[in-house]
N, C-alpha and C. Protein backbone atom coordinates (compact mmCIF):
# COMPACT_ATOMS: atom_id res chain seq x y z
N MET A 1 118.78 95.84 109.14
CA MET A 1 117.36 96.05 109.34
C MET A 1 116.76 96.64 108.06
N ALA A 2 115.70 96.04 107.58
CA ALA A 2 115.04 96.49 106.36
C ALA A 2 114.17 97.72 106.64
N ILE A 3 114.17 98.62 105.69
CA ILE A 3 113.31 99.80 105.79
C ILE A 3 111.95 99.44 105.21
N GLN A 4 110.92 99.66 105.99
CA GLN A 4 109.57 99.34 105.55
C GLN A 4 108.92 100.58 104.93
N THR A 5 108.39 100.42 103.73
CA THR A 5 107.70 101.51 103.05
C THR A 5 106.27 101.60 103.56
N ILE A 6 105.88 102.77 103.96
CA ILE A 6 104.51 102.98 104.44
C ILE A 6 103.64 103.37 103.25
N ARG A 7 102.52 102.72 103.12
CA ARG A 7 101.57 103.03 102.06
C ARG A 7 100.27 103.54 102.69
N THR A 8 99.67 104.53 102.03
CA THR A 8 98.37 105.03 102.44
C THR A 8 97.45 105.00 101.23
N TYR A 9 96.14 105.03 101.48
CA TYR A 9 95.16 104.82 100.42
C TYR A 9 94.05 105.84 100.53
N ARG A 10 93.52 106.24 99.35
CA ARG A 10 92.39 107.16 99.29
C ARG A 10 91.32 106.56 98.37
N ILE A 11 90.12 107.09 98.49
CA ILE A 11 88.98 106.65 97.68
C ILE A 11 88.75 107.69 96.60
N GLU A 12 88.52 107.22 95.36
CA GLU A 12 88.25 108.11 94.23
C GLU A 12 87.01 107.63 93.48
N SER A 13 86.30 108.56 92.90
CA SER A 13 85.18 108.24 92.02
C SER A 13 84.80 109.50 91.26
N SER A 14 84.22 109.33 90.10
CA SER A 14 83.70 110.49 89.37
C SER A 14 82.25 110.75 89.77
N HIS A 15 81.73 109.94 90.66
CA HIS A 15 80.36 110.09 91.16
C HIS A 15 80.38 110.67 92.57
N ASP A 16 79.25 111.22 92.98
CA ASP A 16 79.13 111.72 94.35
C ASP A 16 79.23 110.55 95.31
N LEU A 17 80.03 110.71 96.35
CA LEU A 17 80.22 109.67 97.35
C LEU A 17 79.48 110.07 98.61
N GLU A 18 78.56 109.21 99.02
CA GLU A 18 77.78 109.50 100.22
C GLU A 18 77.26 108.20 100.80
N SER A 19 76.85 108.28 102.04
CA SER A 19 76.32 107.12 102.74
C SER A 19 75.30 107.57 103.75
N ASP A 20 74.33 106.71 104.02
CA ASP A 20 73.33 107.03 105.04
C ASP A 20 73.91 106.91 106.45
N TRP A 21 74.98 106.14 106.59
CA TRP A 21 75.51 105.91 107.94
C TRP A 21 76.97 106.29 108.14
N LEU A 22 77.67 106.67 107.08
CA LEU A 22 79.06 107.13 107.22
C LEU A 22 79.14 108.63 107.00
N PRO A 23 79.98 109.32 107.74
CA PRO A 23 80.13 110.78 107.52
C PRO A 23 80.85 111.04 106.20
N ALA A 24 80.63 112.22 105.65
CA ALA A 24 81.27 112.59 104.38
C ALA A 24 82.79 112.53 104.48
N SER A 25 83.32 112.78 105.65
CA SER A 25 84.78 112.75 105.84
C SER A 25 85.37 111.36 105.60
N ALA A 26 84.55 110.33 105.68
CA ALA A 26 85.04 108.96 105.43
C ALA A 26 85.52 108.79 103.99
N PHE A 27 84.98 109.59 103.08
CA PHE A 27 85.31 109.44 101.66
C PHE A 27 86.46 110.35 101.22
N THR A 28 86.88 111.23 102.09
CA THR A 28 88.04 112.08 101.79
C THR A 28 89.23 111.74 102.68
N ALA A 29 89.04 110.79 103.57
CA ALA A 29 90.11 110.39 104.48
C ALA A 29 91.22 109.65 103.75
N VAL A 30 92.38 109.63 104.36
CA VAL A 30 93.49 108.80 103.88
C VAL A 30 93.60 107.64 104.85
N TYR A 31 93.58 106.43 104.31
CA TYR A 31 93.56 105.21 105.11
C TYR A 31 94.95 104.58 105.17
N SER A 32 95.26 104.00 106.32
CA SER A 32 96.57 103.37 106.50
C SER A 32 96.62 101.95 105.97
N ASP A 33 95.48 101.39 105.62
CA ASP A 33 95.48 100.05 105.02
C ASP A 33 94.40 99.97 103.95
N ASP A 34 94.68 99.16 102.94
CA ASP A 34 93.76 99.08 101.80
C ASP A 34 92.44 98.41 102.16
N ALA A 35 92.44 97.50 103.11
CA ALA A 35 91.21 96.81 103.48
C ALA A 35 90.16 97.79 104.03
N SER A 36 90.58 98.69 104.87
CA SER A 36 89.65 99.70 105.42
C SER A 36 89.14 100.62 104.33
N ALA A 37 90.02 101.01 103.42
CA ALA A 37 89.61 101.88 102.32
C ALA A 37 88.61 101.18 101.41
N VAL A 38 88.85 99.91 101.10
CA VAL A 38 87.92 99.15 100.24
C VAL A 38 86.57 98.99 100.93
N ALA A 39 86.57 98.64 102.20
CA ALA A 39 85.30 98.47 102.92
C ALA A 39 84.50 99.76 102.93
N THR A 40 85.15 100.89 103.07
CA THR A 40 84.47 102.18 103.05
C THR A 40 84.00 102.51 101.63
N ALA A 41 84.84 102.26 100.65
CA ALA A 41 84.50 102.57 99.25
C ALA A 41 83.25 101.84 98.79
N ILE A 42 83.08 100.61 99.22
CA ILE A 42 81.92 99.81 98.83
C ILE A 42 80.62 100.47 99.28
N GLU A 43 80.68 101.18 100.39
CA GLU A 43 79.49 101.79 100.97
C GLU A 43 79.12 103.15 100.38
N CYS A 44 79.94 103.68 99.48
CA CYS A 44 79.76 105.09 99.12
C CYS A 44 79.03 105.36 97.81
N VAL A 45 78.64 104.35 97.07
CA VAL A 45 77.83 104.57 95.87
C VAL A 45 76.64 103.62 95.89
N ASP A 46 75.58 104.02 95.22
CA ASP A 46 74.37 103.19 95.20
C ASP A 46 74.59 101.86 94.50
N ASP A 47 75.29 101.90 93.39
CA ASP A 47 75.52 100.68 92.61
C ASP A 47 76.99 100.62 92.20
N PRO A 48 77.85 100.01 93.02
CA PRO A 48 79.29 99.99 92.73
C PRO A 48 79.64 99.35 91.39
N ALA A 49 78.80 98.46 90.89
CA ALA A 49 79.08 97.83 89.60
C ALA A 49 78.89 98.81 88.44
N GLU A 50 78.03 99.81 88.63
CA GLU A 50 77.76 100.79 87.59
C GLU A 50 78.46 102.13 87.83
N GLN A 51 78.60 102.51 89.08
CA GLN A 51 79.24 103.77 89.46
C GLN A 51 80.63 103.44 90.01
N GLU A 52 81.63 103.50 89.15
CA GLU A 52 82.95 103.05 89.58
C GLU A 52 83.49 103.86 90.75
N VAL A 53 84.01 103.14 91.70
CA VAL A 53 84.73 103.72 92.82
C VAL A 53 86.05 102.96 92.91
N ARG A 54 87.12 103.70 93.23
CA ARG A 54 88.45 103.10 93.24
C ARG A 54 89.16 103.39 94.56
N VAL A 55 90.05 102.48 94.94
CA VAL A 55 90.97 102.73 96.05
C VAL A 55 92.35 102.85 95.42
N VAL A 56 93.02 103.96 95.72
CA VAL A 56 94.28 104.30 95.08
C VAL A 56 95.37 104.47 96.14
N CYS A 57 96.54 103.93 95.86
CA CYS A 57 97.71 104.13 96.73
C CYS A 57 98.17 105.57 96.56
N VAL A 58 98.22 106.32 97.65
CA VAL A 58 98.59 107.73 97.58
C VAL A 58 100.02 107.89 97.07
N GLU A 59 100.92 107.05 97.52
CA GLU A 59 102.34 107.22 97.19
C GLU A 59 102.66 106.88 95.73
N THR A 60 101.98 105.89 95.18
CA THR A 60 102.31 105.44 93.82
C THR A 60 101.28 105.83 92.77
N GLY A 61 100.06 106.13 93.20
CA GLY A 61 98.98 106.41 92.26
C GLY A 61 98.36 105.16 91.67
N ALA A 62 98.82 103.99 92.09
CA ALA A 62 98.31 102.72 91.57
C ALA A 62 96.91 102.44 92.12
N ILE A 63 96.04 102.01 91.23
CA ILE A 63 94.70 101.59 91.65
C ILE A 63 94.84 100.19 92.23
N VAL A 64 94.49 100.03 93.50
CA VAL A 64 94.62 98.73 94.16
C VAL A 64 93.31 97.97 94.20
N TRP A 65 92.21 98.67 93.96
CA TRP A 65 90.89 98.02 93.91
C TRP A 65 89.95 98.92 93.14
N ARG A 66 89.06 98.33 92.36
CA ARG A 66 88.01 99.08 91.66
C ARG A 66 86.74 98.26 91.70
N SER A 67 85.61 98.95 91.70
CA SER A 67 84.32 98.28 91.83
C SER A 67 83.81 97.74 90.50
N THR A 68 84.40 98.16 89.41
CA THR A 68 83.94 97.69 88.10
C THR A 68 85.06 96.92 87.42
N GLU A 69 84.72 96.28 86.33
CA GLU A 69 85.71 95.53 85.56
C GLU A 69 86.45 96.40 84.56
N TYR A 70 85.96 97.63 84.35
CA TYR A 70 86.51 98.50 83.31
C TYR A 70 87.81 99.15 83.76
N GLU A 71 88.73 99.33 82.84
CA GLU A 71 89.99 100.01 83.13
C GLU A 71 89.73 101.49 83.29
N TYR A 72 90.39 102.09 84.24
CA TYR A 72 90.30 103.51 84.51
C TYR A 72 91.13 104.27 83.47
N GLU A 73 90.58 105.32 82.93
CA GLU A 73 91.32 106.13 81.95
C GLU A 73 91.58 107.50 82.50
């Protein structure tokens, strides 16, 4: 039987994360799947193309999604 690695995801940004319809806790939560984290991340900045927001794997630190084309430093 193969051991399955569990991955969790968090949202990061250097900008304030807020939404008119999501609670602030949505942006500090740890998500069990990347799709939910990405869907939430998209809602948390006014202009995702200009205000980078990222979804990061908690276990590896790998950026699995970013709202901009620029590399994170």
